[in-house]
Each structure stands twice: as C-alpha cells, then as structure tokens.
C-alpha cells in the first residue's frame, strides 16, 4: 500500500482526512505541517521538543516509544499516559492506515 488514510483532529475539533504516502519516509509531524496544521516541530523532528505532541485516538499497534520520546513527554504539557505520542516519532507506514490522532493543546 503506497497511500494510507490518516485522520487528524485539530485543536478546535475540526477533522481533516488526509492521504499519506508510505514510500517517502515521512513522519506524522511532517504530514501535519504539509497540511498546514498548527504543529511547530521546532526541533525539526529530532525528538528534542514536544511541539508535535498528539493524542492517538484509534486502536493501532504502534511502535514502542523510545526512551528519548518518553523523556520528552515527561516534560510536555497535557500528557495523557495512554494516548500521548510525539508525531515526529511516528513514521508513516502501511500499519498506520486508518490512524486517528488529535493535536494536543499548546503549552501555556
């Protein structure tokens, strides 16, 4: 599967149905930015900030969180232990077809 569907819910509750290529080594943060969603990705996807924090709303088997991602989420705002992930750490792969995520609130 070269194109998958991912649903992104913005901070106002608006739903965006996106198509994402699986053959370009993109991550979820890059997909959000490409669709002009308000995701900063300040560190450029290096897992050095939490400005691409999302809540995973669907029941997907995601890759294990790295220790670096866990540490970054420990310092983030509005973390949900069951749903929070960093978009830059979620590579767009065929296994993510049907994924639903919601942008986490921005830090105060």
C-alpha atoms as a PDB file:
ATOM      1  CA  UNK A   1       0.000   0.000   0.000  1.00  0.00           C
ATOM      2  CA  UNK A   2       1.658   3.251  -1.156  1.00  0.00           C
ATOM      3  CA  UNK A   3      -1.018   5.654   0.157  1.00  0.00           C
ATOM      4  CA  UNK A   4      -2.764   5.367   3.523  1.00  0.00           C
ATOM      5  CA  UNK A   5      -5.520   7.387   5.171  1.00  0.00           C
ATOM      6  CA  UNK A   6      -4.909   9.227   8.430  1.00  0.00           C
ATOM      7  CA  UNK A   7      -7.461  11.393  10.255  1.00  0.00           C
ATOM      8  CA  UNK A   8      -6.175  14.416  12.168  1.00  0.00           C
ATOM      9  CA  UNK A   9      -8.377  16.374  14.561  1.00  0.00           C
ATOM     10  CA  UNK A  10      -7.166  19.923  15.158  1.00  0.00           C
ATOM     11  CA  UNK A  11      -7.356  21.841  18.434  1.00  0.00           C
ATOM     12  CA  UNK A  12     -10.771  23.275  17.537  1.00  0.00           C
ATOM     13  CA  UNK A  13     -12.228  19.821  16.900  1.00  0.00           C
ATOM     14  CA  UNK A  14     -12.166  20.076  13.088  1.00  0.00           C
ATOM     15  CA  UNK A  15     -11.441  16.792  11.320  1.00  0.00           C
ATOM     16  CA  UNK A  16      -9.044  16.529   8.387  1.00  0.00           C
ATOM     17  CA  UNK A  17      -8.982  13.332   6.359  1.00  0.00           C
ATOM     18  CA  UNK A  18      -5.512  13.031   4.816  1.00  0.00           C
ATOM     19  CA  UNK A  19      -3.796  10.719   2.398  1.00  0.00           C
ATOM     20  CA  UNK A  20      -0.184   9.959   3.223  1.00  0.00           C
ATOM     21  CA  UNK A  21       2.476   8.244   1.111  1.00  0.00           C
ATOM     22  CA  UNK A  22       4.255   5.351   2.783  1.00  0.00           C
ATOM     23  CA  UNK A  23       7.249   5.385   0.444  1.00  0.00           C
ATOM     24  CA  UNK A  24       8.734   8.795   1.342  1.00  0.00           C
ATOM     25  CA  UNK A  25       9.986   8.122   4.899  1.00  0.00           C
ATOM     26  CA  UNK A  26       7.691  10.845   6.307  1.00  0.00           C
ATOM     27  CA  UNK A  27       6.541  11.086   9.894  1.00  0.00           C
ATOM     28  CA  UNK A  28       3.261  12.329  11.334  1.00  0.00           C
ATOM     29  CA  UNK A  29       4.703  15.744  12.247  1.00  0.00           C
ATOM     30  CA  UNK A  30       5.731  16.312   8.635  1.00  0.00           C
ATOM     31  CA  UNK A  31       2.281  15.233   7.436  1.00  0.00           C
ATOM     32  CA  UNK A  32       0.661  17.760   9.786  1.00  0.00           C
ATOM     33  CA  UNK A  33       2.954  20.545   8.584  1.00  0.00           C
ATOM     34  CA  UNK A  34       2.358  19.622   4.927  1.00  0.00           C
ATOM     35  CA  UNK A  35      -1.376  20.041   5.584  1.00  0.00           C
ATOM     36  CA  UNK A  36      -0.747  23.445   7.219  1.00  0.00           C
ATOM     37  CA  UNK A  37      -1.884  22.337  10.660  1.00  0.00           C
ATOM     38  CA  UNK A  38      -0.550  24.331  13.635  1.00  0.00           C
ATOM     39  CA  UNK A  39       2.232  21.906  14.550  1.00  0.00           C
ATOM     40  CA  UNK A  40       5.519  23.665  15.156  1.00  0.00           C
ATOM     41  CA  UNK A  41       8.014  20.831  15.012  1.00  0.00           C
ATOM     42  CA  UNK A  42      10.550  23.250  16.447  1.00  0.00           C
ATOM     43  CA  UNK A  43      13.377  20.697  16.587  1.00  0.00           C
ATOM     44  CA  UNK A  44      12.789  19.502  13.033  1.00  0.00           C
ATOM     45  CA  UNK A  45      11.770  16.011  14.089  1.00  0.00           C
ATOM     46  CA  UNK A  46      14.782  15.183  16.229  1.00  0.00           C
ATOM     47  CA  UNK A  47      12.731  14.355  19.360  1.00  0.00           C
ATOM     48  CA  UNK A  48      14.177  17.371  21.171  1.00  0.00           C
ATOM     49  CA  UNK A  49      10.935  19.234  21.865  1.00  0.00           C
ATOM     50  CA  UNK A  50       7.286  18.336  22.278  1.00  0.00           C
ATOM     51  CA  UNK A  51       5.698  20.762  19.820  1.00  0.00           C
ATOM     52  CA  UNK A  52       4.332  17.857  17.712  1.00  0.00           C
ATOM     53  CA  UNK A  53       2.544  16.202  20.658  1.00  0.00           C
ATOM     54  CA  UNK A  54      -0.594  14.301  19.611  1.00  0.00           C
ATOM     55  CA  UNK A  55      -3.150  12.013  21.207  1.00  0.00           C
ATOM     56  CA  UNK A  56      -3.658   8.699  19.406  1.00  0.00           C
ATOM     57  CA  UNK A  57      -7.427   8.208  19.329  1.00  0.00           C
ATOM     58  CA  UNK A  58      -7.581   4.941  17.359  1.00  0.00           C
ATOM     59  CA  UNK A  59      -6.653   1.440  18.445  1.00  0.00           C
ATOM     60  CA  UNK A  60      -3.430   0.933  16.499  1.00  0.00           C
ATOM     61  CA  UNK A  61      -0.468  -1.212  17.394  1.00  0.00           C
ATOM     62  CA  UNK A  62       2.195   1.499  17.385  1.00  0.00           C
ATOM     63  CA  UNK A  63       5.955   1.054  17.560  1.00  0.00           C
ATOM     64  CA  UNK A  64       7.366   1.087  21.083  1.00  0.00           C
ATOM     65  CA  UNK A  65       8.190   4.507  22.437  1.00  0.00           C
ATOM     66  CA  UNK A  66      11.909   5.195  22.676  1.00  0.00           C
ATOM     67  CA  UNK A  67      13.443   6.314  25.953  1.00  0.00           C
ATOM     68  CA  UNK A  68      14.112   9.716  24.364  1.00  0.00           C
ATOM     69  CA  UNK A  69      10.435  10.112  23.426  1.00  0.00           C
ATOM     70  CA  UNK A  70       9.357   9.076  26.930  1.00  0.00           C
ATOM     71  CA  UNK A  71      11.731  11.626  28.455  1.00  0.00           C
ATOM     72  CA  UNK A  72      10.444  14.382  26.173  1.00  0.00           C
ATOM     73  CA  UNK A  73       6.816  13.589  27.038  1.00  0.00           C
ATOM     74  CA  UNK A  74       7.741  13.660  30.740  1.00  0.00           C
ATOM     75  CA  UNK A  75       8.471  17.361  30.212  1.00  0.00           C
ATOM     76  CA  UNK A  76       5.466  18.128  27.990  1.00  0.00           C
ATOM     77  CA  UNK A  77       2.164  19.720  28.961  1.00  0.00           C
ATOM     78  CA  UNK A  78      -1.230  17.975  28.852  1.00  0.00           C
ATOM     79  CA  UNK A  79       0.200  14.437  28.621  1.00  0.00           C
ATOM     80  CA  UNK A  80      -2.234  11.531  28.545  1.00  0.00           C
ATOM     81  CA  UNK A  81      -0.330   8.393  29.600  1.00  0.00           C
ATOM     82  CA  UNK A  82      -2.487   6.190  27.363  1.00  0.00           C
ATOM     83  CA  UNK A  83      -2.658   8.365  24.244  1.00  0.00           C
ATOM     84  CA  UNK A  84       0.262  10.798  24.049  1.00  0.00           C
ATOM     85  CA  UNK A  85       2.923  10.395  21.374  1.00  0.00           C
ATOM     86  CA  UNK A  86       5.276  12.708  19.516  1.00  0.00           C
ATOM     87  CA  UNK A  87       4.288  12.989  15.872  1.00  0.00           C
ATOM     88  CA  UNK A  88       7.914  13.120  14.758  1.00  0.00           C
ATOM     89  CA  UNK A  89       8.438   9.616  16.131  1.00  0.00           C
ATOM     90  CA  UNK A  90       5.540   8.037  14.223  1.00  0.00           C
ATOM     91  CA  UNK A  91       6.786   7.074  10.767  1.00  0.00           C
ATOM     92  CA  UNK A  92       4.137   6.837   8.049  1.00  0.00           C
ATOM     93  CA  UNK A  93       3.949   3.112   7.331  1.00  0.00           C
ATOM     94  CA  UNK A  94       1.194   0.870   5.929  1.00  0.00           C
ATOM     95  CA  UNK A  95       0.418  -0.266   9.501  1.00  0.00           C
ATOM     96  CA  UNK A  96      -0.838   3.258  10.307  1.00  0.00           C
ATOM     97  CA  UNK A  97      -3.680   3.088   7.753  1.00  0.00           C
ATOM     98  CA  UNK A  98      -6.812   4.415   9.452  1.00  0.00           C
ATOM     99  CA  UNK A  99      -4.898   6.116  12.284  1.00  0.00           C
ATOM    100  CA  UNK A 100      -6.819   8.860  14.100  1.00  0.00           C
ATOM    101  CA  UNK A 101      -4.903  11.477  16.090  1.00  0.00           C
ATOM    102  CA  UNK A 102      -5.820  14.702  17.827  1.00  0.00           C
ATOM    103  CA  UNK A 103      -3.408  17.612  18.229  1.00  0.00           C
ATOM    104  CA  UNK A 104      -2.587  18.149  21.896  1.00  0.00           C
ATOM    105  CA  UNK A 105      -3.177  21.639  23.325  1.00  0.00           C
ATOM    106  CA  UNK A 106      -0.256  24.007  23.052  1.00  0.00           C
ATOM    107  CA  UNK A 107       1.803  24.781  26.137  1.00  0.00           C
ATOM    108  CA  UNK A 108       0.633  27.759  28.124  1.00  0.00           C
END
